[in-house]
Amino acid sequence: IVGEPLAAKRRFGYLPEGAPLYDDMTVAGFLEFIADVRELESARRTSALAEAIAAVRIEAVLHQRIETLSKGYRRRVGLAQAILHDPDVLILDEPTDGLDPNQKHDVRELIERMAPNKAIIVSTHILEEVEALCTRAVIIDHGRIVADGTPAELRARSLYHLAVLLQLAAADAERARALLEELAGVAAVEQRMAGEMVEFAVLPDEGAQLLDPVRAALQAAEIPVRQIALDPGRLDDVFRRLTRSDDQITDDTTREAA
C-alpha cells in the first residue's frame, strides 16, 4: 500500500457510508464512469457491468437520474460500483443501511457468495449484521482494538453467556426469584414483565452450568415453567462493556444492583 499505492487501490473496492454518488448522472452513466476510472477494457467492461448490475438488481433504474432514487437504490448503486472491477478486498461501511428486509437479505446473500474468493471487511454498528455475515469480529474503541474473535467467541465474553432464560406466571414470580437467587453458581437474577407472564434471566458465575439445577429446583417447588432456554450470549452486552468507561460501567452496575 505504501510502496505501490495505485496498484494496491486497484485491488480494493469501497462502499462508503451514505454511498455518495453524482446525483446528476443516470445510474448507467455513473457505472460507465466508474468503469472508465477503473480502466476496464471493452471485453471485460461489458461483462463486469452486466454482472454488477445483476448482482445488486438495479436493472429497473438504470436510466434514472441518481437524484431520483430511493435510499435503498442509492445504496445498491454504491455497492455496484464497489464490486464492478471484481476486487480482491472489499470494504463495506454500513452496507445494508437504508435497505428494506428483502434488500438486506439480497445484499447478505451477495456478500456470502463473494466471501470465499475475497477478503470482505464490514464496518457496522448494527450487531445483527455481525451475527449474519461475519466469521471474525473486531471491536475498536477510540482507535484501539479491544476485542478480536469469532462472533461465538465474543458472545462467550457476555455476562449472559449460558444464562438461563425463563418465562412463568406472574403469580409465581416472587417465590421463583427467591428460589433462584439461593442456587449455587447464580451471579444475578434479572426480571421483567411480559404481559401476564414474567421473564427471568438467571446469570451464571463464570464456568457455572445452571440449566439442570434451575429446572430441578423449579420442578421440586412445583413452579410451572412456560419456557426455558439457554442464552448464547449477547454481542450488544460485550460491545457496551468494552466501549464504555470504567465509571459508566460502575454506575450501570450500581443501578442494576439497586
Protein backbone atom coordinates (compact mmCIF):
# COMPACT_ATOMS: atom_id res chain seq x y z
CA ILE A 1 0.00 0.00 0.00
CA VAL A 2 2.81 2.41 0.86
CA GLY A 3 5.25 1.36 -1.87
CA GLU A 4 2.72 0.93 -4.72
CA PRO A 5 -0.47 2.75 -3.72
CA LEU A 6 -2.07 2.76 -7.19
CA ALA A 7 -1.53 -0.96 -7.68
CA ALA A 8 -2.96 -1.60 -4.22
CA LYS A 9 -6.03 0.58 -4.86
CA ARG A 10 -6.84 -1.43 -7.98
CA ARG A 11 -7.35 -4.44 -5.74
CA PHE A 12 -9.71 -2.65 -3.35
CA GLY A 13 -13.42 -1.94 -3.63
CA TYR A 14 -15.01 0.54 -1.23
CA LEU A 15 -18.58 1.38 -0.31
CA PRO A 16 -18.57 4.46 1.95
CA GLU A 17 -21.33 5.18 4.43
CA GLY A 18 -24.09 7.14 2.75
CA ALA A 19 -22.98 5.94 -0.72
CA PRO A 20 -22.01 9.40 -2.10
CA LEU A 21 -22.87 9.47 -5.80
CA TYR A 22 -23.14 12.01 -8.65
CA ASP A 23 -26.80 12.98 -8.49
CA ASP A 24 -26.98 14.48 -12.00
CA MET A 25 -25.86 11.22 -13.66
CA THR A 26 -28.05 8.30 -14.62
CA VAL A 27 -27.24 5.01 -12.95
CA ALA A 28 -25.91 3.58 -16.24
CA GLY A 29 -23.84 6.71 -16.88
CA PHE A 30 -22.36 6.59 -13.38
CA LEU A 31 -21.33 2.95 -13.71
CA GLU A 32 -19.80 3.66 -17.14
CA PHE A 33 -17.85 6.47 -15.50
CA ILE A 34 -16.60 4.12 -12.77
CA ALA A 35 -15.59 1.62 -15.45
CA ASP A 36 -13.51 4.39 -17.07
CA VAL A 37 -11.90 5.26 -13.74
CA ARG A 38 -11.10 1.59 -13.15
CA GLU A 39 -9.66 1.36 -16.69
CA LEU A 40 -11.80 -1.62 -17.61
CA GLU A 41 -11.21 -2.58 -21.24
CA SER A 42 -14.02 -3.36 -23.69
CA ALA A 43 -14.47 -7.13 -23.30
CA ARG A 44 -14.10 -7.17 -19.54
CA ARG A 45 -16.01 -3.90 -19.23
CA THR A 46 -19.22 -5.26 -20.80
CA SER A 47 -19.29 -8.40 -18.66
CA ALA A 48 -18.29 -6.52 -15.48
CA LEU A 49 -21.10 -4.00 -15.89
CA ALA A 50 -23.65 -6.73 -16.58
CA GLU A 51 -22.54 -8.81 -13.60
CA ALA A 52 -22.51 -5.89 -11.14
CA ILE A 53 -25.94 -4.66 -12.28
CA ALA A 54 -27.44 -8.14 -11.99
CA ALA A 55 -25.78 -8.82 -8.64
CA VAL A 56 -27.43 -5.84 -6.93
CA ARG A 57 -30.63 -5.94 -9.01
CA ILE A 58 -30.75 -2.38 -10.33
CA GLU A 59 -31.89 -3.12 -13.89
CA ALA A 60 -35.16 -1.24 -13.33
CA VAL A 61 -33.44 2.08 -12.54
CA LEU A 62 -30.51 2.08 -14.97
CA HIS A 63 -31.80 5.08 -16.92
CA GLN A 64 -33.00 7.12 -13.95
CA ARG A 65 -31.03 10.05 -12.60
CA ILE A 66 -29.43 9.16 -9.30
CA GLU A 67 -31.10 12.11 -7.55
CA THR A 68 -34.49 10.42 -8.12
CA LEU A 69 -33.54 7.15 -6.43
CA SER A 70 -34.69 5.94 -3.04
CA LYS A 71 -32.11 5.49 -0.29
CA GLY A 72 -32.17 1.73 -0.84
CA TYR A 73 -31.47 2.00 -4.57
CA ARG A 74 -28.72 4.56 -3.97
CA ARG A 75 -27.11 2.07 -1.59
CA ARG A 76 -27.30 -0.67 -4.21
CA VAL A 77 -25.77 1.56 -6.88
CA GLY A 78 -22.94 2.32 -4.45
CA LEU A 79 -22.42 -1.39 -3.93
CA ALA A 80 -22.40 -1.99 -7.69
CA GLN A 81 -19.53 0.48 -8.18
CA ALA A 82 -17.61 -1.15 -5.33
CA ILE A 83 -17.72 -4.62 -6.92
CA LEU A 84 -17.53 -3.54 -10.57
CA HIS A 85 -13.82 -4.33 -11.02
CA ASP A 86 -14.02 -7.62 -9.07
CA PRO A 87 -11.64 -6.51 -6.29
CA ASP A 88 -9.70 -8.90 -4.07
CA VAL A 89 -10.51 -6.81 -1.00
CA LEU A 90 -13.94 -5.27 -0.41
CA ILE A 91 -14.51 -2.66 2.33
CA LEU A 92 -18.18 -2.01 3.11
CA ASP A 93 -19.27 0.72 5.51
CA GLU A 94 -22.81 0.01 6.77
CA PRO A 95 -23.68 -1.99 3.60
CA THR A 96 -27.37 -2.54 4.45
CA ASP A 97 -28.10 0.96 5.74
CA GLY A 98 -31.45 2.14 4.37
CA LEU A 99 -32.44 -1.19 2.86
CA ASP A 100 -35.74 -2.95 3.49
CA PRO A 101 -35.71 -6.55 4.83
CA ASN A 102 -35.81 -8.11 1.34
CA GLN A 103 -32.96 -5.91 0.11
CA LYS A 104 -30.92 -6.69 3.23
CA HIS A 105 -31.39 -10.38 2.54
CA ASP A 106 -30.21 -9.93 -1.05
CA VAL A 107 -27.11 -7.98 -0.01
CA ARG A 108 -26.22 -10.55 2.63
CA GLU A 109 -26.57 -13.35 0.08
CA LEU A 110 -24.33 -11.41 -2.32
CA ILE A 111 -21.67 -10.94 0.36
CA GLU A 112 -21.85 -14.63 1.27
CA ARG A 113 -21.40 -15.60 -2.41
CA MET A 114 -18.34 -13.37 -2.74
CA ALA A 115 -16.77 -14.27 0.60
CA PRO A 116 -14.93 -17.47 -0.47
CA ASN A 117 -12.93 -15.51 -3.08
CA LYS A 118 -12.47 -12.13 -1.38
CA ALA A 119 -11.42 -10.55 1.86
CA ILE A 120 -14.52 -8.59 2.91
CA ILE A 121 -14.37 -6.04 5.72
CA VAL A 122 -17.71 -4.79 7.03
CA SER A 123 -17.75 -1.70 9.25
CA THR A 124 -21.02 -1.51 11.16
CA HIS A 125 -22.68 -0.57 14.43
CA ILE A 126 -25.56 -2.93 13.64
CA LEU A 127 -24.64 -6.05 15.58
CA GLU A 128 -27.29 -8.02 13.72
CA GLU A 129 -25.04 -7.63 10.66
CA VAL A 130 -22.08 -9.09 12.55
CA GLU A 131 -24.12 -12.14 13.53
CA ALA A 132 -25.47 -12.59 9.99
CA LEU A 133 -22.31 -12.00 7.96
CA CYS A 134 -19.05 -12.21 9.83
CA THR A 135 -16.68 -15.06 10.60
CA ARG A 136 -14.46 -12.70 12.60
CA ALA A 137 -15.42 -9.62 14.61
CA VAL A 138 -13.14 -6.82 15.79
CA ILE A 139 -14.37 -4.18 18.25
CA ILE A 140 -12.48 -0.87 18.11
CA ASP A 141 -12.78 1.80 20.79
CA HIS A 142 -11.03 5.17 20.39
CA GLY A 143 -8.67 3.68 17.83
CA ARG A 144 -7.74 0.65 19.95
CA ILE A 145 -8.67 -2.97 19.26
CA VAL A 146 -10.43 -4.12 22.43
CA ALA A 147 -11.75 -7.47 21.16
CA ASP A 148 -10.95 -9.78 18.25
CA GLY A 149 -12.53 -13.18 17.67
CA THR A 150 -15.39 -15.06 16.08
CA PRO A 151 -18.90 -13.87 16.98
CA ALA A 152 -19.29 -17.01 19.12
CA GLU A 153 -16.04 -16.25 20.98
CA LEU A 154 -17.21 -12.70 21.68
CA ARG A 155 -20.64 -13.89 22.83
CA ALA A 156 -18.85 -16.16 25.31
CA ARG A 157 -17.49 -12.99 26.97
CA SER A 158 -21.02 -11.72 27.62
CA LEU A 159 -22.46 -11.71 31.12
CA TYR A 160 -25.44 -13.50 29.57
CA HIS A 161 -23.42 -16.39 28.11
CA LEU A 162 -25.20 -19.59 29.21
CA ALA A 163 -27.71 -17.61 31.29
CA VAL A 164 -30.97 -19.50 31.81
CA LEU A 165 -33.98 -17.71 30.33
CA LEU A 166 -37.34 -18.49 31.91
CA GLN A 167 -40.94 -17.49 31.42
CA LEU A 168 -43.54 -18.24 34.06
CA ALA A 169 -46.78 -16.89 35.52
CA ALA A 170 -46.60 -13.57 37.37
CA ALA A 171 -48.26 -15.19 40.40
CA ASP A 172 -45.19 -17.42 40.85
CA ALA A 173 -42.59 -14.70 40.27
CA GLU A 174 -41.75 -13.75 43.85
CA ARG A 175 -41.37 -17.35 45.01
CA ALA A 176 -39.35 -18.29 41.91
CA ARG A 177 -36.98 -15.36 42.28
CA ALA A 178 -36.22 -16.15 45.92
CA LEU A 179 -35.53 -19.76 44.97
CA LEU A 180 -33.29 -18.86 42.02
CA GLU A 181 -31.21 -16.35 43.97
CA GLU A 182 -30.31 -19.04 46.51
CA LEU A 183 -28.94 -21.50 43.94
CA ALA A 184 -25.19 -22.11 43.89
CA GLY A 185 -23.45 -20.59 40.89
CA VAL A 186 -26.00 -17.81 40.32
CA ALA A 187 -24.40 -14.40 39.84
CA ALA A 188 -27.61 -12.41 39.38
CA VAL A 189 -31.29 -12.74 38.55
CA GLU A 190 -32.93 -10.25 36.18
CA GLN A 191 -36.70 -9.96 35.92
CA ARG A 192 -39.15 -8.17 33.63
CA MET A 193 -42.84 -8.31 32.89
CA ALA A 194 -44.09 -9.73 29.57
CA GLY A 195 -47.84 -9.27 29.54
CA GLU A 196 -49.32 -11.62 32.15
CA MET A 197 -46.04 -13.54 32.33
CA VAL A 198 -42.69 -12.80 33.96
CA GLU A 199 -39.37 -13.41 32.23
CA PHE A 200 -36.23 -14.18 34.20
CA ALA A 201 -32.60 -14.21 33.12
CA VAL A 202 -30.53 -16.24 35.57
CA LEU A 203 -26.92 -15.15 35.06
CA PRO A 204 -24.23 -17.69 35.98
CA ASP A 205 -20.97 -17.24 37.81
CA GLU A 206 -18.04 -17.89 35.47
CA GLY A 207 -17.99 -21.53 34.46
CA ALA A 208 -21.28 -22.40 36.18
CA GLN A 209 -23.81 -24.61 34.37
CA LEU A 210 -27.26 -23.64 35.62
CA LEU A 211 -29.81 -25.18 33.27
CA ASP A 212 -30.26 -28.51 35.08
CA PRO A 213 -30.13 -27.04 38.65
CA VAL A 214 -32.67 -24.34 37.72
CA ARG A 215 -35.03 -26.84 36.10
CA ALA A 216 -34.73 -29.24 39.04
CA ALA A 217 -35.29 -26.54 41.66
CA LEU A 218 -38.42 -25.22 39.97
CA GLN A 219 -39.83 -28.71 39.48
CA ALA A 220 -39.20 -29.54 43.14
CA ALA A 221 -41.01 -26.35 44.18
CA GLU A 222 -43.86 -27.21 41.78
CA ILE A 223 -43.50 -23.93 39.93
CA PRO A 224 -44.67 -24.45 36.33
CA VAL A 225 -42.39 -23.01 33.64
CA ARG A 226 -43.82 -21.98 30.31
CA GLN A 227 -40.47 -21.63 28.52
CA ILE A 228 -36.85 -22.35 29.39
CA ALA A 229 -33.75 -21.87 27.25
CA LEU A 230 -30.04 -21.03 27.35
CA ASP A 231 -28.81 -17.61 26.20
CA PRO A 232 -25.80 -17.99 23.85
CA GLY A 233 -24.51 -14.59 24.93
CA ARG A 234 -25.16 -11.10 23.58
CA LEU A 235 -22.83 -9.10 21.37
CA ASP A 236 -24.50 -5.85 22.41
CA ASP A 237 -23.62 -6.58 26.04
CA VAL A 238 -19.97 -7.23 25.11
CA PHE A 239 -19.83 -4.12 22.91
CA ARG A 240 -21.26 -1.85 25.62
CA ARG A 241 -18.93 -3.10 28.30
CA LEU A 242 -15.82 -2.84 26.13
CA THR A 243 -16.56 0.61 24.76
CA ARG A 244 -17.73 2.37 27.92
CA SER A 245 -15.50 3.96 30.52
CA ASP A 246 -14.96 2.24 33.87
CA ASP A 247 -17.05 4.96 35.56
CA GLN A 248 -20.00 4.33 33.22
CA ILE A 249 -19.84 0.58 33.83
CA THR A 250 -19.64 1.11 37.60
CA ASP A 251 -22.64 3.44 37.51
CA ASP A 252 -24.65 0.96 35.41
CA THR A 253 -23.73 -1.93 37.70
CA THR A 254 -24.76 0.10 40.74
CA ARG A 255 -28.12 0.94 39.18
CA GLU A 256 -28.67 -2.69 38.16
CA ALA A 257 -27.86 -3.87 41.68
CA ALA A 258 -30.24 -1.30 43.13
